[in-house]
Amino acid sequence: MSLRSSKMPSFMPSVPVDVSRLLIPDAEQVCAWLIENAGLKTTDLERAQRLQQESEGTELLGLLTRLGLVSEFELARAWAALLQAPLLLADAVPPLLDPLPPLTERFMRHYQVVPVGWSDQAFRC
């Protein structure tokens, strides 16, 4: 029996990914993939690394996206390729079966939930 639903996109695996066996790549490996496959220039990477050293606590991959050197989509592609995991796009996610319960403004502020849509009945998060 296949776990793949008739509505699942073709790039989705028929078996779940075993996260206990994943080797998490470091930023250097992700950057190497971005240089090879996403058009990141080594000069841009070196510039971002210098900026990272100047500002403590700044993550290199986040800095690359904030500087506009790579898109979040390219970064997601890199992670998916290096983890050998499927890249799940937002438009491929099936709709929620049940609507979310109503959320108060206080709850959303506390848990930093941002609604992405709303109707007369509820927010869509």
C-alpha atoms as a PDB file:
ATOM      1  CA  MET A   1       0.000   0.000   0.000  1.00  0.00           C
ATOM      2  CA  SER A   2       1.423   3.375  -0.978  1.00  0.00           C
ATOM      3  CA  LEU A   3       1.273   6.278   1.418  1.00  0.00           C
ATOM      4  CA  ARG A   4       1.039   8.684  -1.507  1.00  0.00           C
ATOM      5  CA  SER A   5      -2.351  10.301  -1.873  1.00  0.00           C
ATOM      6  CA  SER A   6      -3.818  11.000  -5.282  1.00  0.00           C
ATOM      7  CA  LYS A   7      -3.541  14.730  -4.494  1.00  0.00           C
ATOM      8  CA  MET A   8       0.124  14.659  -3.460  1.00  0.00           C
ATOM      9  CA  PRO A   9       2.545  16.259  -5.898  1.00  0.00           C
ATOM     10  CA  SER A  10       4.835  13.948  -7.831  1.00  0.00           C
ATOM     11  CA  PHE A  11       7.956  15.204  -6.037  1.00  0.00           C
ATOM     12  CA  MET A  12       6.672  14.003  -2.662  1.00  0.00           C
ATOM     13  CA  PRO A  13       8.186  10.726  -1.443  1.00  0.00           C
ATOM     14  CA  SER A  14       5.903   7.788  -0.831  1.00  0.00           C
ATOM     15  CA  VAL A  15       7.591   7.107   2.516  1.00  0.00           C
ATOM     16  CA  PRO A  16       8.356   9.600   5.273  1.00  0.00           C
ATOM     17  CA  VAL A  17      11.880  10.929   5.767  1.00  0.00           C
ATOM     18  CA  ASP A  18      13.650   9.303   8.733  1.00  0.00           C
ATOM     19  CA  VAL A  19      14.896  12.366  10.623  1.00  0.00           C
ATOM     20  CA  SER A  20      16.988  10.276  13.009  1.00  0.00           C
ATOM     21  CA  ARG A  21      19.262   9.343  10.090  1.00  0.00           C
ATOM     22  CA  LEU A  22      19.648  12.832   8.632  1.00  0.00           C
ATOM     23  CA  LEU A  23      23.063  14.437   8.634  1.00  0.00           C
ATOM     24  CA  ILE A  24      22.493  18.146   9.096  1.00  0.00           C
ATOM     25  CA  PRO A  25      24.772  20.108   6.764  1.00  0.00           C
ATOM     26  CA  ASP A  26      26.664  23.073   8.131  1.00  0.00           C
ATOM     27  CA  ALA A  27      26.617  26.578   6.677  1.00  0.00           C
ATOM     28  CA  GLU A  28      29.793  25.895   4.692  1.00  0.00           C
ATOM     29  CA  GLN A  29      28.156  22.969   2.868  1.00  0.00           C
ATOM     30  CA  VAL A  30      25.022  25.005   2.163  1.00  0.00           C
ATOM     31  CA  CYS A  31      27.123  27.877   0.823  1.00  0.00           C
ATOM     32  CA  ALA A  32      29.087  25.481  -1.403  1.00  0.00           C
ATOM     33  CA  TRP A  33      25.789  24.186  -2.836  1.00  0.00           C
ATOM     34  CA  LEU A  34      24.560  27.739  -3.387  1.00  0.00           C
ATOM     35  CA  ILE A  35      27.765  28.608  -5.267  1.00  0.00           C
ATOM     36  CA  GLU A  36      27.452  25.489  -7.440  1.00  0.00           C
ATOM     37  CA  ASN A  37      23.715  25.593  -8.123  1.00  0.00           C
ATOM     38  CA  ALA A  38      22.178  28.948  -7.260  1.00  0.00           C
ATOM     39  CA  GLY A  39      24.606  31.497  -8.647  1.00  0.00           C
ATOM     40  CA  LEU A  40      26.045  32.739  -5.355  1.00  0.00           C
ATOM     41  CA  LYS A  41      29.366  34.425  -6.133  1.00  0.00           C
ATOM     42  CA  THR A  42      32.382  33.694  -3.954  1.00  0.00           C
ATOM     43  CA  THR A  43      33.083  37.424  -3.639  1.00  0.00           C
ATOM     44  CA  ASP A  44      29.556  37.968  -2.291  1.00  0.00           C
ATOM     45  CA  LEU A  45      29.999  35.077   0.140  1.00  0.00           C
ATOM     46  CA  GLU A  46      33.305  36.508   1.379  1.00  0.00           C
ATOM     47  CA  ARG A  47      31.688  39.917   1.863  1.00  0.00           C
ATOM     48  CA  ALA A  48      28.857  38.325   3.875  1.00  0.00           C
ATOM     49  CA  GLN A  49      31.378  36.386   5.970  1.00  0.00           C
ATOM     50  CA  ARG A  50      33.215  39.630   6.803  1.00  0.00           C
ATOM     51  CA  LEU A  51      29.929  41.244   7.817  1.00  0.00           C
ATOM     52  CA  GLN A  52      29.085  38.211   9.937  1.00  0.00           C
ATOM     53  CA  GLN A  53      32.383  38.499  11.817  1.00  0.00           C
ATOM     54  CA  GLU A  54      31.715  42.176  12.530  1.00  0.00           C
ATOM     55  CA  SER A  55      28.235  41.558  13.938  1.00  0.00           C
ATOM     56  CA  GLU A  56      28.128  38.966  16.697  1.00  0.00           C
ATOM     57  CA  GLY A  57      25.287  36.479  16.783  1.00  0.00           C
ATOM     58  CA  THR A  58      24.442  36.884  13.107  1.00  0.00           C
ATOM     59  CA  GLU A  59      23.890  33.651  11.221  1.00  0.00           C
ATOM     60  CA  LEU A  60      25.605  33.514   7.810  1.00  0.00           C
ATOM     61  CA  LEU A  61      22.718  31.932   5.897  1.00  0.00           C
ATOM     62  CA  GLY A  62      20.237  34.431   7.287  1.00  0.00           C
ATOM     63  CA  LEU A  63      22.621  37.229   6.398  1.00  0.00           C
ATOM     64  CA  LEU A  64      22.840  35.985   2.799  1.00  0.00           C
ATOM     65  CA  THR A  65      19.071  36.270   2.429  1.00  0.00           C
ATOM     66  CA  ARG A  66      18.837  39.623   4.232  1.00  0.00           C
ATOM     67  CA  LEU A  67      21.486  41.055   1.914  1.00  0.00           C
ATOM     68  CA  GLY A  68      19.564  39.715  -1.083  1.00  0.00           C
ATOM     69  CA  LEU A  69      22.468  37.551  -2.235  1.00  0.00           C
ATOM     70  CA  VAL A  70      20.289  34.425  -2.333  1.00  0.00           C
ATOM     71  CA  SER A  71      16.537  34.041  -2.185  1.00  0.00           C
ATOM     72  CA  GLU A  72      14.749  32.085   0.513  1.00  0.00           C
ATOM     73  CA  PHE A  73      13.592  29.713  -2.231  1.00  0.00           C
ATOM     74  CA  GLU A  74      17.196  28.989  -3.284  1.00  0.00           C
ATOM     75  CA  LEU A  75      18.122  28.446   0.355  1.00  0.00           C
ATOM     76  CA  ALA A  76      15.216  26.010   0.723  1.00  0.00           C
ATOM     77  CA  ARG A  77      16.357  24.200  -2.440  1.00  0.00           C
ATOM     78  CA  ALA A  78      19.852  23.915  -0.970  1.00  0.00           C
ATOM     79  CA  TRP A  79      18.584  22.452   2.297  1.00  0.00           C
ATOM     80  CA  ALA A  80      16.310  20.011   0.462  1.00  0.00           C
ATOM     81  CA  ALA A  81      19.127  18.856  -1.817  1.00  0.00           C
ATOM     82  CA  LEU A  82      21.684  18.466   0.965  1.00  0.00           C
ATOM     83  CA  LEU A  83      19.235  16.700   3.262  1.00  0.00           C
ATOM     84  CA  GLN A  84      17.998  14.564   0.362  1.00  0.00           C
ATOM     85  CA  ALA A  85      14.494  15.522   1.412  1.00  0.00           C
ATOM     86  CA  PRO A  86      11.588  16.717  -0.713  1.00  0.00           C
ATOM     87  CA  LEU A  87      11.047  20.415  -1.258  1.00  0.00           C
ATOM     88  CA  LEU A  88       7.446  21.074  -0.284  1.00  0.00           C
ATOM     89  CA  LEU A  89       6.079  24.258  -1.799  1.00  0.00           C
ATOM     90  CA  ALA A  90       3.282  26.199  -0.120  1.00  0.00           C
ATOM     91  CA  ASP A  91       0.858  25.725  -3.011  1.00  0.00           C
ATOM     92  CA  ALA A  92       1.349  21.939  -2.794  1.00  0.00           C
ATOM     93  CA  VAL A  93       0.179  21.733   0.819  1.00  0.00           C
ATOM     94  CA  PRO A  94      -3.336  20.346   1.085  1.00  0.00           C
ATOM     95  CA  PRO A  95      -5.910  22.676   2.628  1.00  0.00           C
ATOM     96  CA  LEU A  96      -6.778  22.223   6.271  1.00  0.00           C
ATOM     97  CA  LEU A  97      -9.534  19.730   6.835  1.00  0.00           C
ATOM     98  CA  ASP A  98     -10.968  21.590   9.790  1.00  0.00           C
ATOM     99  CA  PRO A  99     -10.832  25.350  10.256  1.00  0.00           C
ATOM    100  CA  LEU A 100      -8.643  26.661  13.042  1.00  0.00           C
ATOM    101  CA  PRO A 101     -10.423  27.676  16.240  1.00  0.00           C
ATOM    102  CA  PRO A 102     -10.912  31.404  16.755  1.00  0.00           C
ATOM    103  CA  LEU A 103      -7.753  33.042  18.112  1.00  0.00           C
ATOM    104  CA  THR A 104      -7.803  36.106  20.304  1.00  0.00           C
ATOM    105  CA  GLU A 105      -5.549  39.057  19.610  1.00  0.00           C
ATOM    106  CA  ARG A 106      -3.832  38.474  22.966  1.00  0.00           C
ATOM    107  CA  PHE A 107      -3.044  34.849  22.032  1.00  0.00           C
ATOM    108  CA  MET A 108      -1.648  35.883  18.646  1.00  0.00           C
ATOM    109  CA  ARG A 109       0.561  38.573  20.182  1.00  0.00           C
ATOM    110  CA  HIS A 110       1.860  36.222  22.887  1.00  0.00           C
ATOM    111  CA  TYR A 111       2.734  33.401  20.464  1.00  0.00           C
ATOM    112  CA  GLN A 112       3.683  35.787  17.632  1.00  0.00           C
ATOM    113  CA  VAL A 113       1.098  34.351  15.245  1.00  0.00           C
ATOM    114  CA  VAL A 114       0.533  36.390  12.117  1.00  0.00           C
ATOM    115  CA  PRO A 115      -2.720  35.862  10.208  1.00  0.00           C
ATOM    116  CA  VAL A 116      -2.237  35.422   6.459  1.00  0.00           C
ATOM    117  CA  GLY A 117      -5.893  35.754   5.609  1.00  0.00           C
ATOM    118  CA  TRP A 118      -9.271  36.170   7.202  1.00  0.00           C
ATOM    119  CA  SER A 119     -12.934  35.806   6.572  1.00  0.00           C
ATOM    120  CA  ASP A 120     -16.051  36.813   8.465  1.00  0.00           C
ATOM    121  CA  GLN A 121     -15.702  33.735  10.666  1.00  0.00           C
ATOM    122  CA  ALA A 122     -11.975  33.515  11.474  1.00  0.00           C
ATOM    123  CA  PHE A 123      -8.360  34.280  10.704  1.00  0.00           C
ATOM    124  CA  ARG A 124      -6.311  31.986   8.482  1.00  0.00           C
ATOM    125  CA  CYS A 125      -2.854  31.364  10.012  1.00  0.00           C
END
